[in-house]
Every structure is written in C-alpha cells, then in structure tokens.
Protein backbone atom coordinates (compact mmCIF):
# COMPACT_ATOMS: atom_id res chain seq x y z
CA MET A 1 109.72 107.86 104.14
CA ALA A 2 111.75 111.04 103.61
CA THR A 3 110.02 114.35 104.38
CA THR A 4 109.22 116.93 101.69
CA THR A 5 109.47 119.79 104.18
CA SER A 6 112.42 122.08 103.58
CA PHE A 7 113.83 125.32 104.84
CA SER A 8 116.37 127.83 103.53
CA GLY A 9 117.27 129.75 106.67
CA LEU A 10 116.59 133.00 104.85
CA GLY A 11 113.76 133.96 107.19
CA SER A 12 115.74 133.52 110.40
CA GLY A 13 119.25 133.91 109.14
CA ILE A 14 120.18 130.65 110.89
CA ASP A 15 121.74 127.66 108.96
CA PHE A 16 119.40 124.97 110.25
CA ASN A 17 120.70 122.48 107.63
CA THR A 18 124.12 122.46 109.29
CA ILE A 19 122.59 122.09 112.74
CA ARG A 20 120.36 119.23 111.64
CA ASP A 21 123.19 117.38 109.82
CA ALA A 22 125.49 117.77 112.83
CA ILE A 23 122.86 116.17 115.06
CA LEU A 24 122.35 113.33 112.57
CA ASP A 25 126.10 112.75 112.23
CA GLN A 26 126.39 112.43 115.99
CA LYS A 27 123.50 109.97 116.12
CA ALA A 28 124.92 107.97 113.14
CA ARG A 29 128.32 107.26 114.71
CA PRO A 30 127.20 103.98 116.36
CA VAL A 31 125.78 102.85 113.01
CA THR A 32 129.07 103.65 111.27
CA LEU A 33 130.93 101.63 113.87
CA MET A 34 128.56 98.68 113.35
CA GLN A 35 128.98 98.89 109.57
CA SER A 36 132.76 98.87 109.99
CA LYS A 37 132.49 95.88 112.32
CA ALA A 38 130.29 94.01 109.82
CA SER A 39 132.78 94.72 107.04
CA ASN A 40 135.63 93.41 109.18
CA ILE A 41 133.69 90.25 110.02
CA ASN A 42 132.89 89.68 106.33
CA SER A 43 136.60 89.92 105.61
CA ARG A 44 137.19 87.28 108.28
CA ILE A 45 134.55 85.05 106.70
CA GLU A 46 136.22 85.28 103.28
CA ALA A 47 139.62 84.54 104.81
CA LEU A 48 138.24 81.52 106.66
CA LYS A 49 136.73 80.24 103.43
CA GLN A 50 140.17 80.47 101.81
CA LEU A 51 141.61 78.58 104.78
CA ASN A 52 138.91 75.94 104.44
CA THR A 53 139.75 75.47 100.75
CA SER A 54 143.38 74.86 101.68
CA LEU A 55 142.34 72.39 104.38
CA ALA A 56 140.11 70.53 101.93
CA ALA A 57 143.09 70.17 99.57
CA LEU A 58 145.18 68.91 102.51
CA THR A 59 142.46 66.40 103.37
CA ALA A 60 142.45 65.04 99.82
CA ALA A 61 146.25 64.80 99.81
CA SER A 62 146.35 62.97 103.13
CA GLU A 63 143.60 60.59 102.04
CA GLY A 64 145.75 59.58 99.09
CA LEU A 65 148.37 58.34 101.56
CA THR A 66 146.01 55.93 103.31
CA LYS A 67 145.70 53.59 100.31
CA ARG A 68 147.33 50.24 100.99
CA ASP A 69 148.13 49.59 97.33
CA LEU A 70 150.65 52.45 97.32
CA GLY A 71 154.10 51.32 96.31
CA THR A 72 152.91 48.04 94.84
CA GLY A 73 152.49 49.39 91.34
CA ARG A 74 154.92 49.57 88.47
CA SER A 75 156.02 52.34 86.12
CA THR A 76 157.63 52.00 82.71
CA THR A 77 160.30 53.77 80.71
CA THR A 78 160.99 53.58 77.01
CA GLY A 79 164.04 54.37 74.94
CA ASP A 80 161.95 55.67 72.03
CA ALA A 81 158.28 56.51 72.57
CA ASN A 82 157.88 56.95 68.81
CA VAL A 83 158.47 53.19 68.41
CA VAL A 84 156.79 51.73 71.50
CA THR A 85 155.17 52.88 74.73
CA ALA A 86 154.29 50.66 77.66
CA SER A 87 152.34 50.37 80.89
CA ALA A 88 152.70 47.82 83.67
CA SER A 89 150.60 46.31 86.44
CA ALA A 90 151.74 45.21 89.89
CA THR A 91 152.33 41.68 88.55
CA ALA A 92 155.11 42.81 86.19
CA ASN A 93 158.67 41.89 87.10
CA LEU A 94 161.19 44.69 87.40
CA GLY A 95 163.65 44.68 84.51
CA ASN A 96 164.44 45.77 80.95
CA TYR A 97 163.21 44.39 77.64
CA ASP A 98 164.61 44.96 74.17
CA ILE A 99 161.77 45.41 71.68
CA ALA A 100 162.20 45.32 67.89
CA VAL A 101 159.11 45.99 65.74
CA SER A 102 159.44 44.78 62.14
CA ARG A 103 155.78 45.15 61.10
CA LEU A 104 152.73 46.92 62.53
CA ALA A 105 149.35 45.22 62.63
CA SER A 106 147.07 46.54 59.89
CA ASN A 107 143.50 46.27 58.62
CA LEU A 108 142.47 44.09 55.69
CA THR A 109 141.50 46.31 52.76
CA GLN A 110 140.02 44.99 49.51
CA ALA A 111 138.54 46.55 46.37
CA SER A 112 136.21 45.33 43.60
CA ARG A 113 136.47 45.82 39.84
CA SER A 114 135.28 49.11 38.39
CA PHE A 115 131.60 49.79 37.66
CA THR A 116 130.34 52.47 35.27
CA SER A 117 128.11 54.00 37.95
CA LYS A 118 127.01 53.63 41.55
CA THR A 119 123.65 52.33 40.35
CA ALA A 120 125.09 49.66 38.08
CA PRO A 121 123.75 46.13 38.88
CA VAL A 122 126.04 43.72 40.72
CA LEU A 123 124.26 40.39 40.24
CA ALA A 124 126.09 38.31 37.67
CA GLY A 125 124.47 37.04 34.46
CA SER A 126 120.78 36.27 34.77
CA ALA A 127 120.85 35.86 38.54
CA THR A 128 117.99 37.50 40.42
CA THR A 129 119.12 36.71 43.96
CA ALA A 130 122.44 36.04 45.66
CA THR A 131 123.29 35.52 49.35
CA PHE A 132 126.51 36.46 51.08
CA GLU A 133 128.17 36.15 54.46
CA LEU A 134 130.64 38.46 56.24
CA ARG A 135 133.07 36.08 57.93
CA LYS A 136 135.55 37.20 60.58
CA GLY A 137 139.03 35.73 60.97
CA GLY A 138 138.50 32.92 58.45
CA ALA A 139 135.44 31.51 60.26
CA ALA A 140 133.25 28.94 58.47
CA GLU A 141 130.12 31.01 59.05
CA GLY A 142 129.27 34.67 59.35
CA VAL A 143 126.60 37.37 59.17
CA SER A 144 124.42 36.84 56.10
CA PHE A 145 122.56 39.22 53.79
CA THR A 146 120.82 39.05 50.39
CA ILE A 147 121.08 41.00 47.15
CA ASP A 148 117.92 40.88 45.00
CA SER A 149 115.83 43.18 42.83
CA SER A 150 115.34 45.60 45.73
CA ASN A 151 119.05 46.40 46.14
CA ASN A 152 120.79 45.11 43.00
CA THR A 153 123.19 48.05 42.61
CA LEU A 154 126.70 48.89 43.76
CA GLU A 155 125.13 51.29 46.28
CA GLY A 156 122.72 48.56 47.40
CA LEU A 157 125.60 46.15 48.03
CA ARG A 158 127.48 48.83 50.00
CA ASP A 159 124.46 49.64 52.16
CA ALA A 160 123.66 45.97 52.77
CA ILE A 161 127.17 45.36 54.08
CA ASN A 162 127.22 48.44 56.31
CA SER A 163 123.80 47.68 57.78
CA LYS A 164 125.08 44.45 59.32
CA ASN A 165 127.69 46.09 61.59
CA ALA A 166 129.81 42.99 61.15
CA GLY A 167 133.21 44.62 61.69
CA ILE A 168 133.68 45.81 58.13
CA THR A 169 133.07 49.12 56.36
CA ALA A 170 132.06 49.38 52.71
CA ALA A 171 132.59 52.53 50.64
CA ILE A 172 132.40 53.46 46.95
CA VAL A 173 135.45 55.20 45.52
CA ASP A 174 135.45 57.13 42.23
CA VAL A 175 138.84 56.01 40.90
CA THR A 176 139.18 58.37 37.92
CA GLY A 177 136.99 61.18 39.19
CA ASP A 178 134.66 61.20 36.18
CA GLY A 179 132.04 58.85 37.63
CA THR A 180 132.73 55.99 35.22
CA ASN A 181 135.10 53.96 37.39
CA GLN A 182 133.36 53.25 40.68
CA GLN A 183 134.91 50.59 42.95
CA LEU A 184 133.61 49.03 46.15
CA VAL A 185 136.28 49.26 48.88
CA LEU A 186 135.98 46.95 51.90
CA THR A 187 137.95 47.72 55.09
CA SER A 188 137.96 45.57 58.21
CA LYS A 189 137.58 47.57 61.42
CA GLU A 190 139.95 45.39 63.47
CA THR A 191 143.60 44.74 62.70
CA GLY A 192 145.37 41.47 62.14
CA ALA A 193 144.49 38.16 60.54
CA ASN A 194 142.00 37.36 63.29
CA GLY A 195 140.35 40.76 62.92
CA ARG A 196 139.84 40.56 59.15
CA VAL A 197 136.32 40.27 57.72
CA GLU A 198 135.85 38.74 54.26
CA LEU A 199 132.92 38.82 51.85
CA VAL A 200 131.87 35.27 50.90
CA GLU A 201 129.09 34.25 48.48
CA THR A 202 127.01 31.31 49.74
CA THR A 203 125.11 30.83 46.46
CA SER A 204 126.47 29.79 43.05
CA THR A 205 125.57 32.81 40.94
CA GLY A 206 129.16 33.83 40.26
CA THR A 207 128.43 37.34 41.56
CA LEU A 208 131.43 37.41 43.94
CA THR A 209 133.69 36.15 41.16
CA ASP A 210 132.35 38.89 38.88
CA LEU A 211 133.00 41.49 41.59
CA ASN A 212 136.65 40.44 41.35
CA VAL A 213 137.46 41.50 44.89
CA ARG A 214 141.25 41.87 45.18
CA GLY A 215 143.56 42.57 48.10
CA ILE A 216 145.03 46.03 48.60
CA ASN A 217 146.41 45.38 52.08
CA PRO A 218 147.93 42.85 51.86
CA PRO A 219 148.08 42.76 48.05
CA ASP A 220 148.19 38.96 48.21
CA SER A 221 146.07 36.57 50.26
CA ASN A 222 148.73 36.03 52.93
CA PHE A 223 146.64 37.34 55.80
CA ALA A 224 149.43 36.66 58.28
CA ASN A 225 151.00 39.86 56.99
CA LEU A 226 148.21 41.75 58.71
CA ASP A 227 149.66 40.80 62.11
CA ALA A 228 152.23 42.80 64.04
CA ALA A 229 155.67 41.18 63.96
CA PHE A 230 158.18 41.93 66.72
CA THR A 231 160.77 40.45 69.02
CA VAL A 232 161.15 40.61 72.79
CA ASN A 233 164.76 40.11 73.83
CA GLY A 234 165.29 38.39 70.47
CA LEU A 235 162.27 36.06 70.68
CA PRO A 236 160.12 36.47 67.51
CA LEU A 237 156.37 36.98 68.11
CA THR A 238 153.25 38.02 66.17
CA ARG A 239 149.96 39.49 67.40
CA SER A 240 146.76 40.70 65.75
CA THR A 241 146.92 44.18 67.29
CA ASN A 242 149.47 46.88 68.02
CA SER A 243 148.53 46.82 71.70
CA VAL A 244 149.99 43.63 73.14
CA SER A 245 149.34 42.62 76.76
CA ASP A 246 150.17 38.90 76.65
CA ALA A 247 153.81 38.91 75.55
CA VAL A 248 155.44 40.06 78.81
CA THR A 249 153.58 39.27 82.05
CA GLY A 250 151.97 42.38 83.50
CA VAL A 251 153.22 44.64 80.69
CA THR A 252 151.20 46.16 77.84
CA LEU A 253 153.23 47.16 74.78
CA ASN A 254 151.84 49.72 72.35
CA PHE A 255 153.59 49.72 68.97
CA LYS A 256 153.77 53.03 67.13
CA LYS A 257 156.08 52.35 64.17
CA VAL A 258 158.74 49.96 62.89
CA GLY A 259 161.97 50.27 64.88
CA SER A 260 163.75 49.23 68.06
CA ALA A 261 163.57 50.50 71.63
CA SER A 262 164.20 49.31 75.16
CA VAL A 263 161.36 49.17 77.69
CA GLY A 264 162.05 49.26 81.42
CA VAL A 265 159.74 48.22 84.26
CA ILE A 266 160.53 50.06 87.48
CA GLN A 267 159.06 50.48 90.94
CA SER A 268 156.10 52.86 90.91
CA THR A 269 156.76 56.38 92.15
CA ASP A 270 153.19 56.85 93.40
CA ILE A 271 154.21 57.06 97.07
CA GLU A 272 156.70 59.84 96.38
CA THR A 273 154.22 61.65 94.14
CA LYS A 274 151.50 61.55 96.79
CA LEU A 275 153.90 62.55 99.56
CA ARG A 276 155.01 65.55 97.52
CA ALA A 277 151.36 66.51 96.98
CA PHE A 278 150.78 66.27 100.74
CA VAL A 279 153.83 68.41 101.55
CA THR A 280 152.66 71.02 99.04
CA ALA A 281 149.13 71.09 100.50
CA TYR A 282 150.43 71.22 104.09
CA ASN A 283 152.79 74.09 103.28
CA ALA A 284 149.96 75.98 101.56
CA VAL A 285 148.10 76.07 104.89
CA GLN A 286 151.26 77.25 106.65
CA ASP A 287 151.81 79.95 104.01
CA PHE A 288 148.24 81.16 104.50
CA ALA A 289 148.76 81.39 108.27
CA ALA A 290 152.09 83.18 107.87
CA ALA A 291 150.51 85.73 105.53
CA GLN A 292 148.10 86.74 108.30
CA TYR A 293 151.03 87.87 110.44
CA LYS A 294 152.90 89.77 107.74
CA LYS A 295 153.72 93.22 109.20
CA ASP A 296 152.94 96.61 107.70
CA ALA A 297 155.10 99.76 107.95
CA LYS A 298 153.93 100.26 111.53
CA ASP A 299 154.87 96.70 112.48
CA ARG A 300 151.24 95.59 112.71
CA PRO A 301 149.88 92.31 111.29
CA THR A 302 148.07 92.84 108.00
CA GLY A 303 145.92 89.68 107.96
CA VAL A 304 142.35 89.75 109.25
CA LEU A 305 142.91 86.40 110.99
CA ALA A 306 146.03 87.44 112.91
CA GLY A 307 145.48 86.19 116.43
CA ASP A 308 142.25 84.42 115.44
CA SER A 309 141.59 81.52 117.81
CA THR A 310 140.34 79.22 115.04
CA LEU A 311 143.52 79.70 113.00
CA ARG A 312 145.75 79.23 116.05
CA GLY A 313 143.91 76.06 117.00
CA ILE A 314 144.28 74.61 113.50
CA GLN A 315 148.00 75.36 113.44
CA GLN A 316 148.49 73.61 116.76
CA GLN A 317 146.45 70.56 115.74
CA LEU A 318 148.26 70.17 112.42
CA LYS A 319 151.63 70.49 114.11
CA GLY A 320 150.66 67.88 116.66
CA ALA A 321 149.31 65.51 114.04
CA ILE A 322 152.40 65.65 111.85
CA GLN A 323 154.54 64.71 114.84
CA SER A 324 152.37 61.87 116.12
CA VAL A 325 152.60 58.30 114.87
CA SER A 326 150.47 55.38 115.96
CA ALA A 327 152.43 53.08 118.23
CA ASP A 328 150.93 50.03 116.58
CA ASN A 329 151.73 50.85 112.95
CA GLY A 330 153.75 47.64 112.77
CA GLY A 331 156.94 49.20 111.42
CA ALA A 332 160.31 50.40 112.65
CA PHE A 333 159.77 54.12 111.86
CA ASP A 334 157.98 56.51 114.20
CA SER A 335 158.45 59.89 112.50
CA LEU A 336 158.43 61.46 109.05
CA THR A 337 161.94 62.72 109.71
CA GLN A 338 163.18 59.14 109.38
CA ILE A 339 161.98 58.97 105.77
CA GLY A 340 163.26 62.39 104.68
CA ILE A 341 160.43 64.78 105.63
CA THR A 342 161.46 67.46 108.12
CA THR A 343 159.80 70.51 109.68
CA GLY A 344 161.47 73.93 109.45
CA ASN A 345 161.35 76.82 111.89
CA ASP A 346 158.56 78.34 109.81
CA GLY A 347 156.42 75.25 110.34
CA LYS A 348 156.70 74.16 106.72
CA LEU A 349 157.75 70.69 105.58
CA SER A 350 160.77 69.84 103.42
CA PHE A 351 160.97 66.69 101.33
CA ASP A 352 164.33 64.97 100.70
CA SER A 353 163.72 62.74 97.69
CA THR A 354 167.09 61.00 97.91
CA ALA A 355 166.66 60.10 101.59
CA PHE A 356 163.08 58.96 101.03
CA ASN A 357 163.86 56.73 98.07
CA ASP A 358 166.77 55.21 99.95
CA LYS A 359 164.44 54.23 102.80
CA LEU A 360 161.78 53.04 100.37
CA LYS A 361 164.35 50.82 98.68
CA THR A 362 165.91 49.38 101.82
CA ASN A 363 162.88 49.40 104.17
CA PRO A 364 159.75 49.45 101.99
CA ASP A 365 157.48 47.73 104.52
CA ASP A 366 158.51 50.10 107.32
CA VAL A 367 157.87 53.14 105.12
CA LYS A 368 154.40 51.86 104.25
CA ALA A 369 153.71 51.01 107.89
CA LEU A 370 154.55 54.58 108.89
CA LEU A 371 152.13 55.94 106.28
CA PHE A 372 149.13 53.61 106.58
CA GLY A 373 149.98 50.72 108.91
CA LYS A 374 151.46 47.36 108.02
CA THR A 375 148.14 45.48 108.21
CA GLU A 376 144.44 46.31 108.00
CA SER A 377 144.20 46.23 111.79
CA GLN A 378 147.04 48.72 112.21
CA SER A 379 147.00 52.47 111.59
CA GLY A 380 149.70 54.72 110.26
CA LEU A 381 150.23 58.44 110.49
CA PHE A 382 147.93 59.36 107.64
CA GLN A 383 144.79 57.62 108.85
CA ALA A 384 144.93 59.88 111.92
CA PHE A 385 145.98 62.92 109.92
CA ASN A 386 143.23 62.47 107.35
CA LYS A 387 140.66 62.12 110.13
CA LEU A 388 141.90 65.33 111.74
CA SER A 389 142.09 67.45 108.57
CA SER A 390 138.72 66.26 107.28
CA GLY A 391 137.24 67.06 110.69
CA LEU A 392 138.65 70.58 110.55
CA SER A 393 137.20 71.32 107.12
CA ASP A 394 133.98 69.29 107.37
CA SER A 395 131.10 71.27 105.88
CA VAL A 396 128.91 70.64 108.95
CA THR A 397 131.04 70.07 112.03
CA GLY A 398 134.48 71.37 111.02
CA SER A 399 135.94 74.05 113.29
CA VAL A 400 136.42 76.41 110.34
CA GLN A 401 132.81 75.99 109.24
CA VAL A 402 131.63 76.50 112.80
CA ALA A 403 133.60 79.76 112.95
CA ILE A 404 132.23 80.86 109.57
CA LYS A 405 128.64 80.17 110.62
CA GLY A 406 129.19 82.02 113.91
CA TYR A 407 130.52 85.07 112.08
CA GLU A 408 127.69 84.90 109.53
CA ASN A 409 125.16 84.96 112.37
CA SER A 410 126.94 87.98 113.88
CA VAL A 411 126.81 89.81 110.56
CA LYS A 412 123.13 88.96 110.18
CA THR A 413 122.40 90.39 113.64
CA LEU A 414 124.48 93.50 112.94
CA ASN A 415 122.81 94.11 109.60
CA SER A 416 119.40 93.83 111.22
CA THR A 417 120.39 96.34 113.91
CA ILE A 418 121.94 98.66 111.33
CA ALA A 419 118.77 98.58 109.22
CA SER A 420 116.68 99.41 112.29
CA ARG A 421 119.01 102.26 113.31
CA LEU A 422 118.98 103.70 109.78
CA GLU A 423 115.19 103.73 109.79
CA GLY A 424 115.32 105.59 113.10
CA LEU A 425 117.80 108.12 111.67
CA ASN A 426 115.52 108.72 108.70
CA ARG A 427 112.61 109.37 111.05
CA LEU A 428 114.78 111.71 113.16
CA LYS A 429 115.83 113.55 110.01
CA ASP A 430 112.19 114.06 109.02
CA SER A 431 111.31 115.26 112.51
CA LEU A 432 114.24 117.68 112.74
CA THR A 433 113.52 119.01 109.26
CA ARG A 434 109.93 119.78 110.18
CA GLN A 435 110.85 121.33 113.53
CA PHE A 436 113.61 123.52 112.10
CA ALA A 437 111.39 124.56 109.22
CA ALA A 438 108.76 125.70 111.71
CA ALA A 439 111.37 127.48 113.81
CA ASP A 440 112.80 129.15 110.74
CA ALA A 441 109.32 130.37 109.73
CA ALA A 442 108.49 131.57 113.25
CA ILE A 443 111.74 133.46 113.67
CA GLY A 444 111.30 134.93 110.22
CA GLN A 445 107.80 136.11 111.15
CA LEU A 446 109.08 137.68 114.39
CA ASN A 447 111.87 139.37 112.47
CA GLY A 448 109.25 140.70 110.04
CA GLN A 449 107.08 142.04 112.88
CA GLY A 450 110.10 143.66 114.50
CA THR A 451 110.93 145.43 111.24
CA ALA A 452 107.33 146.71 110.90
CA LEU A 453 107.28 147.98 114.52
CA THR A 454 110.55 149.79 113.99
CA SER A 455 109.08 151.51 110.94
CA ILE A 456 106.02 152.68 112.93
CA ILE A 457 108.18 154.07 115.77
CA ASP A 458 110.42 155.84 113.31
CA SER A 459 107.32 157.38 111.65
CA LEU A 460 105.92 158.58 115.00
CA ASN A 461 109.22 160.18 115.97
CA SER A 462 109.34 161.96 112.62
CA ASP A 463 105.85 163.50 113.09
CA LYS A 464 106.71 164.62 116.62
CA ASN A 465 109.75 166.52 115.46
CA LYS A 466 107.85 168.55 112.88
C-alpha cells in the first residue's frame, strides 16, 4: 500500500524527491528488462500461432491429396447454361452430347367455376355429404376426404384438400377483385404427368361435376404435355421432371428453358485443383518464414522468429518431406518435379499446369501412385507429408504448440517475478519516503536551531558594544 507520508524539501533545502526517484529507477531496471523480455516472448507466441495456422491449412491441403478417388470423377461443360446445366458421376463416359429442349416439365393447374363468395356451399343439389380422393399420376385410388355440413363451403373444400398433404395445393382466387367471382385453383406440387394430382369424387352427388374443374395447364386433358420433351443426339425423349438422371448414364441434365446446347463430359480436374491448393498452402508457410528474415535499414532481420529453432526445424522438415517419395508407391515417378511441380531458390513451389496435365493424361496411374500410392497397401508422397504436417501443428504434441506452451510458461514465470519485484519497489518507495521525510524534518529543525543561536549571539555582541 502506498505511503501517505510526504516531504517538500523546504525545511532542509534538499530535493529528496529526486534522490528517492533516482534510487527507485536504479532498482527498477531489472524489472524493466523483464517486462521487455516478456513482451518479446509474447510477440514470439503470436508469431508462432500465425505459423501454426499456416501449417494447419497445409495439413488440410495435403490430406486432400491422400484420397484415392481423386482423378476418377467427371466434370461437365455446357454450351448454354441458360438452356441446360449438367453434372456427372465417375460412371459417365467422356464425350459430347447435343441436347435440344422443346418443352419443360410443368405442374398440373386446374380451376373451378366461380362462386359468389368464399363461404358459398359446394355440395350439389340436396346432397349433404360427398367423398373425394386426391389421386396421383392417374392412380385408381388416392387420399380420401369428406365434405359435409361441417365444411360445406368453398373455404372448407380448400382446407380439406390442403390438410391431406397429398402433393396438391388448393387456393381461392378472387378473379374480378370484387369478391363475387371466387374460384378454387388446384396446383400439383410435382411436375409431369406422373406428378399430377387430380380431384376425383367417389360418390354420385354430382358435386365434382358442378365444380366444373377445368384445366389451365394444360388447357386440355392431355397430361403428357406436362412432361419435359427433349432430344439427346437426335433421340426424342420425355421425362416427368426438368432434372433428368436416367437419359445418359452417369449424367444429370437440368433443363432451364426451351432451346439447344451441347453438354460435354470431361475428366475431373480435382487432382489439379487440390495440388494447386497444396502449393498455395506450402508457399504461404515459406512466405511467413521469409518475412521473418526481411532486413531493416541496418540490415537486421525484422521478424521475431528470425533464427528461431522451431521455425528452422519446420523449414528443414518440410523441405525434406517434399523431396521424399515412398519407394513402394507402385508407380514410375519418384519426385514432384516429374509431374510439373518444382522448387525455387526461395524454397517455394511452382506448378506447371501444362506439364502436369500432360502426365495425368499419358500416365494417370503413375501420377496417382506418386500422390497416394497405387494400392491400399502402398503409400505415396502425401500420406507421409500429411502425417508430418499434422504432427507439426497438432494441438497437443506438435512442435509449434510445444514451443508456444514453453514460451507461455516463461511469460507466466516472468510475470510472477515482475509482480513480486513491483511489490518490493512499492515497499521501498514507502520506506524511502518515510526516511527522507524524517531527514528533511530533522535537518529543517537543526537549521531552525542554528538560526535562533545566531540571533542570540548577534544580540549579545550588540549589547557588549554599547
């Protein structure tokens, strides 16, 4: 606790504040050095965390290159994505297909006659009860419901249909806007003839006939017009939906509008994409390391990790891993250089897309063997690399995490020592303040006594001279 004792130096004429502060400054120098050291270590911790983030990204990128299904997939191209888009599985044959869409699949939409209000009764004549079914795709049976005295209104019919969740939506539309021409509109949720849902009366009240349900789409009863119509390389086909996966093996066609377009099925580019991601992640680690050695105006490294043993060790391990290939990968390639990935003088990787795709085209099995081994029992470069990089950045045992935890313990110890030293300095300040205050008072008292004695002597000398 800080002392309340103070002194001005007026009694003694001595600036005890300056003396005390000089003593405290001298005693505080070790604390200042420790605080500077703690700040430097914290900067190292933050830099190592950045390095660990980069290593984690590298781990994820290398893991993506250990998947054995790489290169087996297919990609698609389309001449007009506004007409048709496509996707393909590994079973699709490479090639081109000419697609011509003459009609899109659509939903069956029907409407009733007009009613004077939403609450107008719908049962025909003297009927008190009528039963209906909602039948999908022309089926002989469907989901049934009943209209009776409890729901004998246009609204009641609408709600009864919607409550069945039978693949059809019922709505009431005010045709003229004055409330006197209300029509029931029925819309099937699925497209095509097979997806249509129709309202069928299973009693003989004549209620359905009185409803006079008519077709809006299609206007006639030719439900085949609800199907998509298209050709594949000139072969005419129809389907119930605009997403067709059973026309071309392994290919899903998605029709957007009437028109023509070519669709191509090509070799998947997933290997190249993942290799590029790896090269980018690897170079990010190298860029981080290089930044630590960037020189200032005095030709000194500016990074807090310049010369750090953890960083040096990681650089050496990554360099060694990128140059090592398992002898039993089962392929003809034993280095990334052979598939277009080279290492520059700065340690960064360069990716030659043309060279890589040439090797992938002519030697696909050897490329895959280099990456992840030809068989399950064989290992490629990236199994080993992924194991290394994940080990470096592992949250428990990774070398970066070990370094971070070591530095954090050092900071904790320093902060504890600094806190203890600061408490000691506060106690010393209190003690010096009290001592100098007492000294100031004592010297002031002596000065006062000296002044009084001088006055007495001067008085005696004056009387003697009279």
